[in-house]
N, C-alpha and C. Protein backbone atom coordinates (compact mmCIF):
# COMPACT_ATOMS: atom_id res chain seq x y z
N MET A 1 3.85 -22.01 -49.89
CA MET A 1 3.32 -22.73 -51.04
C MET A 1 3.65 -24.21 -51.01
N SER A 2 4.31 -24.67 -49.99
CA SER A 2 4.68 -26.08 -49.92
C SER A 2 3.48 -26.98 -49.66
N ASN A 3 2.32 -26.41 -49.39
CA ASN A 3 1.13 -27.23 -49.13
C ASN A 3 0.28 -27.46 -50.38
N ILE A 4 0.75 -27.07 -51.54
CA ILE A 4 0.01 -27.28 -52.78
C ILE A 4 0.27 -28.68 -53.28
N ILE A 5 -0.82 -29.37 -53.57
CA ILE A 5 -0.71 -30.75 -54.06
C ILE A 5 -0.70 -30.73 -55.59
N ALA A 6 0.29 -31.39 -56.14
CA ALA A 6 0.38 -31.49 -57.61
C ALA A 6 -0.46 -32.66 -58.07
N PHE A 7 -1.42 -32.37 -58.92
CA PHE A 7 -2.27 -33.42 -59.45
C PHE A 7 -1.61 -34.03 -60.68
N PRO A 8 -1.78 -35.34 -60.82
CA PRO A 8 -1.17 -35.97 -62.01
C PRO A 8 -1.79 -35.42 -63.29
N VAL A 9 -0.94 -35.20 -64.24
CA VAL A 9 -1.38 -34.70 -65.53
C VAL A 9 -1.29 -35.84 -66.53
N LYS A 10 -2.35 -36.02 -67.28
CA LYS A 10 -2.34 -37.09 -68.28
C LYS A 10 -1.34 -36.73 -69.37
N GLU A 11 -0.40 -37.63 -69.58
CA GLU A 11 0.64 -37.41 -70.57
C GLU A 11 0.07 -37.56 -71.98
N GLN A 12 0.40 -36.61 -72.84
CA GLN A 12 -0.05 -36.69 -74.22
C GLN A 12 0.71 -37.80 -74.95
N PRO A 13 0.01 -38.61 -75.73
CA PRO A 13 0.72 -39.67 -76.46
C PRO A 13 1.75 -39.08 -77.43
N LYS A 14 2.90 -39.72 -77.49
CA LYS A 14 3.98 -39.30 -78.38
C LYS A 14 3.59 -39.63 -79.82
N GLU A 15 3.87 -38.69 -80.71
CA GLU A 15 3.60 -38.94 -82.12
C GLU A 15 4.65 -39.91 -82.65
N LEU A 16 4.20 -40.95 -83.34
CA LEU A 16 5.10 -41.97 -83.85
C LEU A 16 5.81 -41.50 -85.11
N SER A 17 7.06 -41.94 -85.27
CA SER A 17 7.80 -41.66 -86.49
C SER A 17 7.23 -42.56 -87.60
N PRO A 18 7.53 -42.25 -88.86
CA PRO A 18 7.02 -43.10 -89.94
C PRO A 18 7.43 -44.57 -89.79
N LEU A 19 8.66 -44.83 -89.36
CA LEU A 19 9.10 -46.21 -89.20
C LEU A 19 8.37 -46.89 -88.05
N GLU A 20 8.11 -46.14 -86.96
CA GLU A 20 7.35 -46.70 -85.85
C GLU A 20 5.93 -47.06 -86.29
N VAL A 21 5.34 -46.22 -87.12
CA VAL A 21 3.99 -46.49 -87.64
C VAL A 21 4.00 -47.77 -88.46
N VAL A 22 5.02 -47.94 -89.30
CA VAL A 22 5.12 -49.14 -90.14
C VAL A 22 5.23 -50.39 -89.27
N VAL A 23 6.11 -50.35 -88.26
CA VAL A 23 6.30 -51.52 -87.39
C VAL A 23 5.01 -51.82 -86.64
N GLU A 24 4.38 -50.79 -86.10
CA GLU A 24 3.13 -51.00 -85.37
C GLU A 24 2.06 -51.61 -86.27
N GLN A 25 1.94 -51.09 -87.48
CA GLN A 25 0.92 -51.60 -88.40
C GLN A 25 1.22 -53.04 -88.82
N GLU A 26 2.49 -53.35 -89.04
CA GLU A 26 2.86 -54.73 -89.39
C GLU A 26 2.50 -55.69 -88.26
N LEU A 27 2.77 -55.27 -87.02
CA LEU A 27 2.42 -56.11 -85.87
C LEU A 27 0.91 -56.33 -85.80
N LEU A 28 0.14 -55.26 -86.01
CA LEU A 28 -1.31 -55.39 -85.99
C LEU A 28 -1.79 -56.29 -87.12
N ASP A 29 -1.15 -56.18 -88.27
CA ASP A 29 -1.53 -57.00 -89.43
C ASP A 29 -1.28 -58.49 -89.22
N ILE A 30 -0.29 -58.83 -88.38
CA ILE A 30 -0.02 -60.26 -88.13
C ILE A 30 -0.77 -60.78 -86.91
N GLY A 31 -1.65 -59.93 -86.36
CA GLY A 31 -2.51 -60.40 -85.28
C GLY A 31 -2.15 -59.97 -83.88
N ALA A 32 -1.20 -59.08 -83.74
CA ALA A 32 -0.85 -58.57 -82.40
C ALA A 32 -1.98 -57.68 -81.91
N ASP A 33 -2.24 -57.75 -80.61
CA ASP A 33 -3.24 -56.83 -80.07
C ASP A 33 -2.61 -55.45 -79.97
N PRO A 34 -3.42 -54.39 -79.92
CA PRO A 34 -2.88 -53.02 -79.91
C PRO A 34 -1.91 -52.76 -78.75
N MET A 35 -2.17 -53.34 -77.58
CA MET A 35 -1.27 -53.14 -76.44
C MET A 35 0.11 -53.74 -76.73
N MET A 36 0.12 -54.95 -77.29
CA MET A 36 1.39 -55.61 -77.63
C MET A 36 2.16 -54.77 -78.65
N ALA A 37 1.48 -54.30 -79.68
CA ALA A 37 2.12 -53.50 -80.72
C ALA A 37 2.72 -52.23 -80.13
N ARG A 38 1.96 -51.57 -79.24
CA ARG A 38 2.43 -50.32 -78.64
C ARG A 38 3.65 -50.57 -77.75
N VAL A 39 3.61 -51.63 -76.93
CA VAL A 39 4.74 -51.94 -76.05
C VAL A 39 6.00 -52.23 -76.86
N ILE A 40 5.87 -53.02 -77.91
CA ILE A 40 7.02 -53.38 -78.73
C ILE A 40 7.60 -52.15 -79.42
N VAL A 41 6.75 -51.30 -79.96
CA VAL A 41 7.23 -50.08 -80.61
C VAL A 41 7.93 -49.17 -79.60
N GLU A 42 7.38 -49.06 -78.40
CA GLU A 42 8.04 -48.23 -77.37
C GLU A 42 9.40 -48.79 -77.00
N ARG A 43 9.50 -50.11 -76.87
CA ARG A 43 10.79 -50.72 -76.53
C ARG A 43 11.81 -50.54 -77.64
N MET A 44 11.34 -50.48 -78.87
CA MET A 44 12.23 -50.39 -80.02
C MET A 44 12.53 -48.96 -80.44
N GLU A 45 12.06 -48.00 -79.68
CA GLU A 45 12.17 -46.59 -80.09
C GLU A 45 13.60 -46.21 -80.49
N LYS A 46 14.56 -46.46 -79.63
CA LYS A 46 15.96 -46.10 -79.92
C LYS A 46 16.48 -46.86 -81.15
N PHE A 47 16.17 -48.14 -81.23
CA PHE A 47 16.58 -48.97 -82.36
C PHE A 47 16.01 -48.40 -83.66
N LEU A 48 14.74 -48.01 -83.64
CA LEU A 48 14.10 -47.50 -84.86
C LEU A 48 14.66 -46.15 -85.27
N VAL A 49 15.09 -45.35 -84.31
CA VAL A 49 15.76 -44.09 -84.64
C VAL A 49 17.06 -44.39 -85.38
N LEU A 50 17.82 -45.35 -84.87
CA LEU A 50 19.08 -45.73 -85.53
C LEU A 50 18.82 -46.35 -86.90
N ALA A 51 17.77 -47.14 -87.02
CA ALA A 51 17.45 -47.80 -88.30
C ALA A 51 16.97 -46.81 -89.36
N SER A 52 16.56 -45.62 -88.94
CA SER A 52 16.08 -44.60 -89.88
C SER A 52 17.20 -43.75 -90.47
N PHE A 53 18.43 -44.05 -90.07
CA PHE A 53 19.57 -43.27 -90.52
C PHE A 53 19.66 -43.25 -92.04
N GLU A 54 19.90 -42.08 -92.60
CA GLU A 54 20.08 -41.93 -94.05
C GLU A 54 21.49 -41.47 -94.33
N PHE A 55 22.15 -42.11 -95.27
CA PHE A 55 23.49 -41.68 -95.68
C PHE A 55 23.36 -40.49 -96.60
N ASP A 56 24.21 -39.50 -96.40
CA ASP A 56 24.23 -38.34 -97.28
C ASP A 56 25.34 -38.57 -98.29
N MET A 57 24.95 -38.91 -99.50
CA MET A 57 25.93 -39.25 -100.53
C MET A 57 26.10 -38.10 -101.54
N THR A 58 25.96 -36.87 -101.10
CA THR A 58 26.10 -35.73 -101.98
C THR A 58 27.57 -35.57 -102.36
N MET A 59 27.81 -35.39 -103.66
CA MET A 59 29.19 -35.19 -104.11
C MET A 59 29.20 -34.37 -105.39
N SER A 60 30.30 -33.71 -105.61
CA SER A 60 30.50 -32.96 -106.85
C SER A 60 31.50 -33.72 -107.70
N VAL A 61 31.18 -33.80 -108.99
CA VAL A 61 32.03 -34.57 -109.89
C VAL A 61 32.28 -33.74 -111.14
N SER A 62 33.52 -33.73 -111.58
CA SER A 62 33.84 -33.01 -112.81
C SER A 62 33.27 -33.77 -114.01
N LYS A 63 33.06 -33.06 -115.08
CA LYS A 63 32.49 -33.68 -116.29
C LYS A 63 33.37 -34.79 -116.82
N GLU A 64 34.69 -34.67 -116.61
CA GLU A 64 35.61 -35.69 -117.10
C GLU A 64 35.43 -37.02 -116.36
N CYS A 65 34.98 -36.96 -115.13
CA CYS A 65 34.86 -38.18 -114.31
C CYS A 65 33.49 -38.85 -114.43
N VAL A 66 32.53 -38.20 -115.03
CA VAL A 66 31.16 -38.73 -115.04
C VAL A 66 31.08 -40.10 -115.70
N ASP A 67 31.71 -40.28 -116.85
CA ASP A 67 31.64 -41.58 -117.54
C ASP A 67 32.25 -42.69 -116.70
N GLU A 68 33.41 -42.41 -116.13
CA GLU A 68 34.06 -43.42 -115.30
C GLU A 68 33.21 -43.74 -114.07
N MET A 69 32.64 -42.73 -113.47
CA MET A 69 31.81 -42.96 -112.29
C MET A 69 30.55 -43.75 -112.65
N ARG A 70 29.96 -43.43 -113.79
CA ARG A 70 28.75 -44.13 -114.23
C ARG A 70 29.05 -45.62 -114.43
N ASP A 71 30.25 -45.93 -114.91
CA ASP A 71 30.61 -47.32 -115.18
C ASP A 71 31.07 -48.09 -113.96
N SER A 72 31.71 -47.42 -112.98
CA SER A 72 32.27 -48.17 -111.86
C SER A 72 31.75 -47.75 -110.49
N VAL A 73 31.71 -46.47 -110.23
CA VAL A 73 31.35 -46.01 -108.89
C VAL A 73 29.86 -46.15 -108.61
N PHE A 74 29.02 -45.69 -109.51
CA PHE A 74 27.58 -45.73 -109.26
C PHE A 74 27.05 -47.14 -109.06
N PRO A 75 27.46 -48.12 -109.87
CA PRO A 75 27.00 -49.49 -109.59
C PRO A 75 27.47 -50.00 -108.23
N ALA A 76 28.69 -49.63 -107.83
CA ALA A 76 29.19 -50.06 -106.52
C ALA A 76 28.38 -49.43 -105.39
N ILE A 77 28.04 -48.17 -105.54
CA ILE A 77 27.23 -47.48 -104.53
C ILE A 77 25.83 -48.10 -104.47
N THR A 78 25.26 -48.40 -105.62
CA THR A 78 23.94 -49.02 -105.66
C THR A 78 23.95 -50.38 -104.98
N LYS A 79 24.98 -51.17 -105.25
CA LYS A 79 25.10 -52.49 -104.62
C LYS A 79 25.27 -52.35 -103.10
N MET A 80 26.10 -51.42 -102.68
CA MET A 80 26.30 -51.19 -101.25
C MET A 80 24.98 -50.77 -100.59
N GLU A 81 24.24 -49.89 -101.22
CA GLU A 81 22.96 -49.43 -100.68
C GLU A 81 21.98 -50.60 -100.54
N THR A 82 21.94 -51.47 -101.53
CA THR A 82 21.07 -52.65 -101.48
C THR A 82 21.48 -53.58 -100.35
N ASN A 83 22.78 -53.81 -100.20
CA ASN A 83 23.27 -54.67 -99.12
C ASN A 83 22.93 -54.10 -97.75
N ILE A 84 23.08 -52.80 -97.58
CA ILE A 84 22.76 -52.16 -96.30
C ILE A 84 21.27 -52.28 -96.02
N LYS A 85 20.43 -52.03 -97.00
CA LYS A 85 18.98 -52.15 -96.80
C LYS A 85 18.58 -53.58 -96.45
N ASP A 86 19.16 -54.55 -97.14
CA ASP A 86 18.86 -55.96 -96.84
C ASP A 86 19.27 -56.33 -95.42
N ALA A 87 20.46 -55.88 -95.02
CA ALA A 87 20.93 -56.16 -93.66
C ALA A 87 20.04 -55.50 -92.62
N MET A 88 19.64 -54.26 -92.85
CA MET A 88 18.76 -53.55 -91.92
C MET A 88 17.40 -54.24 -91.83
N ASN A 89 16.89 -54.74 -92.94
CA ASN A 89 15.61 -55.46 -92.92
C ASN A 89 15.73 -56.73 -92.08
N GLU A 90 16.83 -57.44 -92.22
CA GLU A 90 17.03 -58.66 -91.41
C GLU A 90 17.17 -58.32 -89.93
N LEU A 91 17.93 -57.28 -89.62
CA LEU A 91 18.07 -56.85 -88.23
C LEU A 91 16.72 -56.45 -87.64
N MET A 92 15.93 -55.73 -88.40
CA MET A 92 14.62 -55.29 -87.94
C MET A 92 13.72 -56.49 -87.67
N THR A 93 13.71 -57.44 -88.59
CA THR A 93 12.88 -58.63 -88.42
C THR A 93 13.29 -59.41 -87.18
N GLU A 94 14.59 -59.62 -87.00
CA GLU A 94 15.08 -60.35 -85.83
C GLU A 94 14.71 -59.64 -84.54
N ARG A 95 14.85 -58.33 -84.52
CA ARG A 95 14.53 -57.56 -83.30
C ARG A 95 13.04 -57.66 -82.99
N VAL A 96 12.19 -57.53 -83.99
CA VAL A 96 10.75 -57.62 -83.76
C VAL A 96 10.38 -59.01 -83.24
N LEU A 97 10.96 -60.06 -83.83
CA LEU A 97 10.66 -61.42 -83.37
C LEU A 97 11.08 -61.62 -81.92
N HIS A 98 12.23 -61.08 -81.54
CA HIS A 98 12.68 -61.19 -80.15
C HIS A 98 11.77 -60.40 -79.21
N GLU A 99 11.31 -59.24 -79.65
CA GLU A 99 10.40 -58.45 -78.82
C GLU A 99 9.06 -59.16 -78.64
N ILE A 100 8.59 -59.83 -79.68
CA ILE A 100 7.35 -60.60 -79.57
C ILE A 100 7.51 -61.72 -78.55
N GLN A 101 8.63 -62.44 -78.63
CA GLN A 101 8.88 -63.51 -77.66
C GLN A 101 8.97 -62.97 -76.24
N LEU A 102 9.67 -61.86 -76.06
CA LEU A 102 9.80 -61.25 -74.74
C LEU A 102 8.43 -60.83 -74.19
N TYR A 103 7.63 -60.22 -75.02
CA TYR A 103 6.30 -59.78 -74.59
C TYR A 103 5.46 -60.97 -74.15
N ARG A 104 5.50 -62.03 -74.93
CA ARG A 104 4.71 -63.24 -74.58
C ARG A 104 5.21 -63.87 -73.28
N LEU A 105 6.52 -63.93 -73.08
CA LEU A 105 7.06 -64.47 -71.84
C LEU A 105 6.63 -63.62 -70.64
N GLU A 106 6.66 -62.32 -70.80
CA GLU A 106 6.23 -61.44 -69.73
C GLU A 106 4.75 -61.62 -69.40
N GLN A 107 3.94 -61.88 -70.41
CA GLN A 107 2.51 -62.07 -70.19
C GLN A 107 2.23 -63.37 -69.47
N GLN A 108 3.08 -64.39 -69.70
CA GLN A 108 2.91 -65.69 -69.05
C GLN A 108 3.35 -65.66 -67.59
N ALA A 109 4.26 -64.76 -67.26
CA ALA A 109 4.83 -64.71 -65.89
C ALA A 109 3.83 -64.17 -64.89
């Protein structure tokens, strides 16, 4: 059976995650051609998986602690969540801008 030739099989396109779809659509909306958007999303795949991380903040609280938590802990958690989201948005924007520059440099070479 060593004389059997393996024919190339067309690879099925990978289904994009919701965040990958958002990034691709944003790139298309700012004028990127579809090839550029696809290349950038593929390069960012690992980064976008990490950026999709969700914190599990499940906790049990006794009735005696609810008032104290409502006054001090919950606002602190909300502020922390906002800060993390803002930082992730900035990181995402910077990464996309760098990928756009890299893609353009590669096209010029």
